[in-house]
Amino acid sequence: MRIDKIDIVNFKNIEEASLEFSGGVNCLLGMNGMGKSNLLEAIHFLCLARPMQSLPESALPCHGSDMMMVKGSFTMDTGVNENVSCGITKGKGKTLKCNGKEYQRISEHIGKFPIVTVTPADHSIVSGAAEERRKLMDMVISQADKTYLSHLIRYNRSIDSRNRMLKAGVKDKLLYESVEASMEDSATIIHNTRKAWVEEILPVFRTRYSEISGDAEKASIKYSSILNDQSLRAVLDSTRAKDQVLGYTSKGVHRDDLLTGLGDYSMRRLGSQGQVKTFTIALRLAIFSYLRKVSGQIPILLLDDIFDKLDSSRVGRIMEMVSGDEGFGQIFITDTNREHLDEILEAIKGESRLFSVKDGQFSPVNINSSL
């Protein structure tokens, strides 16, 4: 899958842009704050109808603007052309269309246009709270499994209902059990799907980490869930009295985590900045392989500020990997250093394009020329 063209109006600092992309590697060159990452954000917004970073959608329109719109033309791996538009209008909310037809539910769009991002904010996958790692699992699996997404939505609604009962001081056990029965059905599917997902990507993740690090150290991921040891019904029965005091549901799959390891130790506690970035990139590339397999489409790969906090040897291994013959398709790379991008473009095979970015404006650059 590739995005051939994008049209942007009032998206963050990009007031207006119309760009055509290479089906291979697209490099974005410019100083920090010029709009490189915002273009990646716009592509992500089209593919998943949500921001790439954790920020409110109200922050997406240009300052002072009442609306924003992003439109993109995609070519799927089947050869079919798809046109997607996603906009936000103040007071009216978000509108998402595919081939001119508006979705009844935005969840219908999730998974149709697979995309994988590598950004500086990925360190939160290791250093952040468990919520960050759950969000990652949920977003990736939801792209591949509509049943999982529907049960995730159902479980979260049931959690909200139970929490309202807890806050209201409801004591009736039968009322709780009626809500918890729905929670248990969805929780079982969520747990089993997450467990299977971790087991599937683990070998690929380990291989990628070893390749990027030069086999300098071993990394691991492990799925942590209270449902590994007991059913949700047993958990909720045992915690109901405590939850009534707390006013919220303290245990369940909404508290699951993905444990990150470095050898026999915690990556979160002992990993250096370079090791953490190697870890998150290896995880993202394992996710890429997973989505490519389950979707039947080659995802778009966004590499934002890939050189930061990595030594040249690790960067070289990453670029050799993604520009080789292993099934990576369209790639977007941002950097502030022309030399870095020239090295990538010189090493890759196939089509490529370079853009200069300044104040939200994009100018094509002849790869063989100097700026």
Protein backbone atom coordinates (compact mmCIF):
# COMPACT_ATOMS: atom_id res chain seq x y z
CA MET A 1 0.00 0.00 0.00
CA ARG A 2 1.16 3.53 -0.69
CA ILE A 3 -0.14 7.08 -0.48
CA ASP A 4 0.32 8.77 -3.86
CA LYS A 5 -0.89 12.27 -3.07
CA ILE A 6 -1.98 14.35 -0.11
CA ASP A 7 -3.84 17.67 0.09
CA ILE A 8 -3.77 19.55 3.39
CA VAL A 9 -5.63 22.64 4.58
CA ASN A 10 -5.07 24.21 8.02
CA PHE A 11 -3.45 21.18 9.65
CA LYS A 12 -1.28 22.37 12.56
CA ASN A 13 1.33 24.70 10.97
CA ILE A 14 0.56 23.56 7.41
CA GLU A 15 -1.89 26.14 6.04
CA GLU A 16 -2.01 24.61 2.58
CA ALA A 17 -0.03 21.90 0.81
CA SER A 18 -0.46 19.52 -2.10
CA LEU A 19 2.24 16.86 -2.43
CA GLU A 20 2.88 13.80 -4.58
CA PHE A 21 5.04 11.06 -3.10
CA SER A 22 7.41 8.38 -4.25
CA GLY A 23 6.25 4.82 -3.80
CA GLY A 24 9.66 4.12 -2.23
CA VAL A 25 11.50 6.40 0.20
CA ASN A 26 10.38 9.98 0.88
CA CYS A 27 12.77 12.18 2.88
CA LEU A 28 11.74 15.38 4.64
CA LEU A 29 14.56 17.81 5.44
CA GLY A 30 14.22 20.86 7.69
CA MET A 31 14.93 22.38 11.06
CA ASN A 32 12.87 21.48 14.12
CA GLY A 33 9.40 22.99 14.24
CA MET A 34 9.15 23.52 10.49
CA GLY A 35 6.42 20.95 9.83
CA LYS A 36 8.19 17.67 8.98
CA SER A 37 6.49 15.72 11.75
CA ASN A 38 3.19 17.46 11.04
CA LEU A 39 3.15 15.96 7.54
CA LEU A 40 3.67 12.50 9.05
CA GLU A 41 0.88 13.31 11.51
CA ALA A 42 -1.43 14.19 8.60
CA ILE A 43 -0.70 10.86 6.87
CA HIS A 44 -1.33 9.01 10.15
CA PHE A 45 -4.57 10.97 10.61
CA LEU A 46 -5.81 9.77 7.22
CA CYS A 47 -4.93 6.15 7.92
CA LEU A 48 -6.28 5.86 11.47
CA ALA A 49 -8.51 8.94 11.89
CA ARG A 50 -6.61 9.95 15.02
CA PRO A 51 -3.48 11.96 15.86
CA MET A 52 -0.10 10.25 15.85
CA GLN A 53 0.70 11.77 19.25
CA SER A 54 -1.41 11.88 22.40
CA LEU A 55 -3.08 15.26 21.93
CA PRO A 56 -6.68 16.44 21.61
CA GLU A 57 -8.07 16.68 18.09
CA SER A 58 -8.96 20.30 18.81
CA ALA A 59 -5.20 21.00 18.65
CA LEU A 60 -4.97 19.86 15.01
CA PRO A 61 -6.45 22.87 13.15
CA CYS A 62 -4.10 25.81 12.52
CA HIS A 63 -4.18 28.42 15.26
CA GLY A 64 -7.21 30.63 14.74
CA SER A 65 -8.80 28.35 12.16
CA ASP A 66 -12.30 26.93 12.54
CA MET A 67 -11.64 23.92 10.31
CA MET A 68 -9.01 21.61 8.88
CA MET A 69 -9.05 19.03 6.11
CA VAL A 70 -6.69 16.31 4.92
CA LYS A 71 -7.31 14.32 1.72
CA GLY A 72 -5.22 11.47 0.39
CA SER A 73 -5.13 9.17 -2.64
CA PHE A 74 -3.95 5.64 -1.93
CA THR A 75 -3.02 2.70 -4.15
CA MET A 76 -3.63 -0.60 -2.41
CA ASP A 77 -1.46 -3.66 -3.01
CA THR A 78 -4.36 -5.11 -5.01
CA GLY A 79 -4.05 -2.17 -7.42
CA VAL A 80 -7.32 -0.60 -6.26
CA ASN A 81 -7.33 3.19 -5.76
CA GLU A 82 -8.88 4.60 -2.59
CA ASN A 83 -9.55 8.26 -1.71
CA VAL A 84 -9.80 9.23 1.95
CA SER A 85 -10.72 12.57 3.49
CA CYS A 86 -10.76 13.46 7.17
CA GLY A 87 -11.68 16.87 8.51
CA ILE A 88 -12.60 18.68 11.69
CA THR A 89 -14.95 21.66 11.85
CA LYS A 90 -15.37 23.68 15.03
CA GLY A 91 -18.74 22.97 16.58
CA LYS A 92 -19.46 20.04 14.22
CA GLY A 93 -16.72 17.55 15.05
CA LYS A 94 -14.93 15.12 12.76
CA THR A 95 -15.96 13.87 9.33
CA LEU A 96 -14.33 10.80 7.77
CA LYS A 97 -15.03 9.63 4.22
CA CYS A 98 -13.70 6.92 1.93
CA ASN A 99 -14.36 7.36 -1.80
CA GLY A 100 -16.81 10.14 -1.01
CA LYS A 101 -18.94 8.03 1.35
CA GLU A 102 -19.02 8.94 5.03
CA TYR A 103 -18.52 6.17 7.55
CA GLN A 104 -21.38 5.45 9.93
CA ARG A 105 -18.81 4.53 12.58
CA ILE A 106 -15.16 5.59 12.55
CA SER A 107 -14.22 2.11 13.82
CA GLU A 108 -15.12 0.81 10.32
CA HIS A 109 -12.05 2.64 8.96
CA ILE A 110 -9.55 1.17 11.42
CA GLY A 111 -7.33 -1.42 9.75
CA LYS A 112 -8.11 -0.59 6.11
CA PHE A 113 -4.94 1.49 5.71
CA PRO A 114 -2.23 -0.06 7.92
CA ILE A 115 0.52 2.27 9.10
CA VAL A 116 3.47 1.99 11.50
CA THR A 117 5.20 4.95 13.13
CA VAL A 118 8.57 5.42 14.82
CA THR A 119 8.74 8.72 16.71
CA PRO A 120 10.84 10.33 19.49
CA ALA A 121 7.81 9.95 21.78
CA ASP A 122 8.10 6.15 21.54
CA HIS A 123 10.36 6.15 24.60
CA SER A 124 7.11 6.29 26.62
CA ILE A 125 6.44 2.70 25.50
CA VAL A 126 9.28 1.76 27.85
CA SER A 127 9.41 4.62 30.34
CA GLY A 128 5.73 5.50 30.52
CA ALA A 129 2.86 4.03 32.53
CA ALA A 130 1.21 0.72 31.66
CA GLU A 131 -1.55 2.65 29.87
CA GLU A 132 0.92 3.55 27.10
CA ARG A 133 1.72 -0.09 26.40
CA ARG A 134 -1.95 -1.12 26.51
CA LYS A 135 -2.80 1.63 24.04
CA LEU A 136 -0.09 0.30 21.74
CA MET A 137 -1.42 -3.27 21.94
CA ASP A 138 -4.99 -2.12 21.41
CA MET A 139 -4.22 0.11 18.42
CA VAL A 140 -2.15 -2.53 16.64
CA ILE A 141 -4.52 -5.45 17.26
CA SER A 142 -7.55 -3.31 16.40
CA GLN A 143 -6.06 -2.64 12.96
CA ALA A 144 -5.98 -6.40 12.36
CA ASP A 145 -9.02 -7.73 14.22
CA LYS A 146 -12.47 -6.11 14.07
CA THR A 147 -13.81 -8.59 16.64
CA TYR A 148 -11.14 -7.51 19.11
CA LEU A 149 -12.04 -3.86 18.58
CA SER A 150 -15.74 -4.48 19.13
CA HIS A 151 -15.06 -6.37 22.37
CA LEU A 152 -12.66 -3.65 23.52
CA ILE A 153 -15.39 -1.05 23.01
CA ARG A 154 -17.93 -3.30 24.75
CA TYR A 155 -15.61 -3.95 27.72
CA ASN A 156 -14.86 -0.25 28.18
CA ARG A 157 -18.56 0.58 28.16
CA SER A 158 -19.19 -2.09 30.78
CA ILE A 159 -16.34 -0.71 32.91
CA ASP A 160 -17.95 2.73 32.73
CA SER A 161 -21.30 1.26 33.83
CA ARG A 162 -19.73 -0.64 36.73
CA ASN A 163 -17.76 2.41 37.84
CA ARG A 164 -20.92 4.53 37.88
CA MET A 165 -22.58 1.90 40.08
CA LEU A 166 -19.58 1.86 42.41
CA LYS A 167 -19.55 5.65 42.72
CA ALA A 168 -23.30 5.70 43.33
CA GLY A 169 -22.88 3.24 46.21
CA VAL A 170 -24.95 0.45 44.66
CA LYS A 171 -24.88 -2.68 46.87
CA ASP A 172 -27.08 -5.11 44.91
CA LYS A 173 -24.90 -8.09 43.96
CA LEU A 174 -27.25 -9.17 41.15
CA LEU A 175 -26.93 -5.77 39.44
CA TYR A 176 -23.16 -6.06 39.53
CA GLU A 177 -23.23 -9.61 38.19
CA SER A 178 -25.40 -8.59 35.24
CA VAL A 179 -22.81 -6.00 34.16
CA GLU A 180 -19.85 -8.21 35.02
CA ALA A 181 -21.12 -11.09 32.87
CA SER A 182 -20.76 -8.89 29.78
CA MET A 183 -17.35 -7.73 30.99
CA GLU A 184 -16.15 -11.29 31.43
CA ASP A 185 -17.10 -12.40 27.91
CA SER A 186 -15.22 -9.50 26.32
CA ALA A 187 -12.30 -9.67 28.77
CA THR A 188 -11.67 -13.31 27.88
CA ILE A 189 -11.43 -12.50 24.18
CA ILE A 190 -9.27 -9.42 24.83
CA HIS A 191 -6.90 -11.40 27.05
CA ASN A 192 -6.59 -14.37 24.69
CA THR A 193 -6.03 -12.11 21.69
CA ARG A 194 -3.37 -10.00 23.43
CA LYS A 195 -1.59 -13.13 24.65
CA ALA A 196 -1.56 -14.65 21.16
CA TRP A 197 -0.36 -11.35 19.66
CA VAL A 198 2.61 -11.12 22.03
CA GLU A 199 3.54 -14.73 21.34
CA GLU A 200 3.41 -14.08 17.59
CA ILE A 201 5.53 -10.91 17.47
CA LEU A 202 8.06 -11.98 20.14
CA PRO A 203 10.38 -13.99 17.81
CA VAL A 204 10.36 -11.20 15.20
CA PHE A 205 11.00 -8.57 17.87
CA ARG A 206 13.98 -10.50 19.24
CA THR A 207 15.44 -10.92 15.76
CA ARG A 208 15.02 -7.23 14.93
CA TYR A 209 16.57 -6.13 18.22
CA SER A 210 19.53 -8.43 17.68
CA GLU A 211 20.02 -7.16 14.12
CA ILE A 212 19.89 -3.48 15.10
CA SER A 213 22.09 -3.82 18.20
CA GLY A 214 24.64 -6.00 16.43
CA ASP A 215 23.72 -8.77 18.88
CA ALA A 216 25.18 -6.62 21.68
CA GLU A 217 22.41 -7.49 24.15
CA LYS A 218 19.14 -9.43 24.43
CA ALA A 219 15.73 -7.82 24.82
CA SER A 220 12.33 -9.29 25.63
CA ILE A 221 8.63 -8.50 26.02
CA LYS A 222 6.17 -10.34 28.27
CA TYR A 223 2.42 -10.03 28.60
CA SER A 224 1.31 -9.32 32.17
CA SER A 225 -2.37 -9.83 33.00
CA ILE A 226 -4.31 -10.86 36.07
CA LEU A 227 -6.27 -13.16 33.74
CA ASN A 228 -3.12 -15.20 33.22
CA ASP A 229 -3.91 -16.83 36.58
CA GLN A 230 -7.67 -16.53 37.17
CA SER A 231 -10.98 -15.64 35.54
CA LEU A 232 -12.38 -12.12 35.56
CA ARG A 233 -15.43 -13.33 37.48
CA ALA A 234 -13.19 -14.56 40.31
CA VAL A 235 -11.23 -11.28 40.24
CA LEU A 236 -14.32 -9.07 40.43
CA ASP A 237 -15.91 -11.20 43.15
CA SER A 238 -12.80 -10.83 45.29
CA THR A 239 -12.35 -7.08 44.71
CA ARG A 240 -15.98 -5.87 44.75
CA ALA A 241 -15.92 -4.70 48.36
CA LYS A 242 -12.63 -2.89 47.83
CA ASP A 243 -13.89 -1.35 44.60
CA GLN A 244 -16.98 -0.04 46.38
CA VAL A 245 -14.69 1.87 48.75
CA LEU A 246 -12.43 3.10 45.93
CA GLY A 247 -15.29 4.00 43.60
CA TYR A 248 -13.74 2.35 40.54
CA THR A 249 -12.82 -1.07 39.12
CA SER A 250 -9.30 -1.74 40.35
CA LYS A 251 -8.51 -4.97 38.46
CA GLY A 252 -9.18 -6.40 35.03
CA VAL A 253 -7.72 -6.41 31.53
CA HIS A 254 -7.82 -2.61 31.62
CA ARG A 255 -4.80 -2.94 33.96
CA ASP A 256 -2.77 -5.28 31.73
CA ASP A 257 0.82 -4.44 30.89
CA LEU A 258 3.63 -5.34 28.52
CA LEU A 259 6.82 -5.95 30.50
CA THR A 260 10.02 -4.82 28.78
CA GLY A 261 13.27 -6.65 29.50
CA LEU A 262 16.99 -6.17 28.89
CA GLY A 263 18.76 -9.44 29.55
CA ASP A 264 17.64 -10.51 33.03
CA TYR A 265 16.70 -6.96 34.02
CA SER A 266 14.07 -4.31 33.32
CA MET A 267 14.62 -2.20 30.21
CA ARG A 268 12.66 0.55 31.93
CA ARG A 269 15.09 0.69 34.87
CA LEU A 270 18.43 -0.02 33.25
CA GLY A 271 18.15 0.70 29.52
CA SER A 272 20.24 3.54 28.10
CA GLN A 273 18.64 6.04 25.70
CA GLY A 274 20.14 4.16 22.76
CA GLN A 275 18.96 0.79 24.06
CA VAL A 276 15.44 2.12 24.69
CA LYS A 277 15.26 3.54 21.17
CA THR A 278 16.61 0.29 19.72
CA PHE A 279 13.93 -1.55 21.72
CA THR A 280 11.06 0.62 20.47
CA ILE A 281 12.22 0.51 16.85
CA ALA A 282 12.57 -3.30 16.99
CA LEU A 283 9.06 -3.49 18.45
CA ARG A 284 7.65 -1.21 15.75
CA LEU A 285 9.30 -3.26 13.01
CA ALA A 286 7.86 -6.45 14.54
CA ILE A 287 4.47 -4.74 14.46
CA PHE A 288 5.08 -3.89 10.80
CA SER A 289 5.64 -7.58 10.01
CA TYR A 290 2.50 -8.53 11.94
CA LEU A 291 0.27 -6.00 10.14
CA ARG A 292 1.71 -6.94 6.77
CA LYS A 293 0.84 -10.58 7.44
CA VAL A 294 -2.68 -10.14 8.80
CA SER A 295 -3.86 -7.28 6.57
CA GLY A 296 -2.47 -8.51 3.26
CA GLN A 297 -1.21 -4.95 2.70
CA ILE A 298 2.32 -3.58 3.13
CA PRO A 299 1.93 -0.83 5.76
CA ILE A 300 3.27 2.69 5.28
CA LEU A 301 6.31 3.21 7.52
CA LEU A 302 6.90 6.62 9.14
CA LEU A 303 10.38 7.18 10.62
CA ASP A 304 10.42 10.49 12.50
CA ASP A 305 13.85 11.69 13.67
CA ILE A 306 15.30 8.18 13.36
CA PHE A 307 18.91 9.30 13.93
CA ASP A 308 18.37 10.82 17.37
CA LYS A 309 20.01 8.94 20.28
CA LEU A 310 21.38 6.15 18.06
CA ASP A 311 24.99 5.62 17.06
CA SER A 312 25.79 5.49 13.35
CA SER A 313 26.22 1.71 13.31
CA ARG A 314 22.68 1.09 14.63
CA VAL A 315 21.19 3.63 12.24
CA GLY A 316 23.07 1.97 9.38
CA ARG A 317 21.66 -1.44 10.29
CA ILE A 318 18.12 -0.04 10.47
CA MET A 319 18.36 1.63 7.07
CA GLU A 320 19.94 -1.45 5.53
CA MET A 321 17.05 -3.45 6.92
CA VAL A 322 14.16 -1.26 5.75
CA SER A 323 15.65 -0.41 2.35
CA GLY A 324 16.53 -4.01 1.50
CA ASP A 325 14.45 -6.80 0.02
CA GLU A 326 12.50 -7.80 3.17
CA GLY A 327 9.12 -6.46 2.08
CA PHE A 328 9.16 -2.86 3.32
CA GLY A 329 7.26 -0.58 0.95
CA GLN A 330 6.69 3.15 1.14
CA ILE A 331 8.80 4.90 3.78
CA PHE A 332 8.83 8.48 5.10
CA ILE A 333 11.94 9.73 6.92
CA THR A 334 12.50 13.09 8.63
CA ASP A 335 15.80 14.66 9.65
CA THR A 336 17.51 18.01 10.17
CA ASN A 337 20.78 16.88 8.56
CA ARG A 338 21.10 16.66 4.77
CA GLU A 339 24.12 14.38 5.03
CA HIS A 340 22.11 11.77 6.92
CA LEU A 341 19.41 11.72 4.25
CA ASP A 342 21.93 11.70 1.40
CA GLU A 343 23.53 8.60 2.92
CA ILE A 344 20.14 6.88 3.02
CA LEU A 345 19.23 7.87 -0.53
CA GLU A 346 22.60 6.75 -1.82
CA ALA A 347 22.25 3.34 -0.18
CA ILE A 348 18.66 2.50 -1.14
CA LYS A 349 17.47 0.86 -4.31
CA GLY A 350 14.48 2.11 -6.24
CA GLU A 351 12.41 5.25 -6.32
CA SER A 352 12.96 8.10 -3.86
CA ARG A 353 12.07 11.73 -3.30
CA LEU A 354 13.43 14.56 -1.13
CA PHE A 355 11.49 17.57 0.17
CA SER A 356 12.75 20.68 1.93
CA VAL A 357 10.43 21.85 4.72
CA LYS A 358 10.22 25.41 6.06
CA ASP A 359 7.37 27.09 7.96
CA GLY A 360 4.85 24.46 6.89
CA GLN A 361 5.78 24.68 3.21
CA PHE A 362 7.27 21.83 1.18
CA SER A 363 9.63 22.16 -1.78
CA PRO A 364 10.86 19.22 -3.89
CA VAL A 365 14.65 19.00 -3.97
CA ASN A 366 16.79 17.49 -6.69
CA ILE A 367 18.56 14.64 -4.91
CA ASN A 368 21.80 15.37 -6.79
CA SER A 369 21.81 19.06 -5.90
CA SER A 370 22.81 20.97 -2.76
CA LEU A 371 20.46 23.25 -0.89
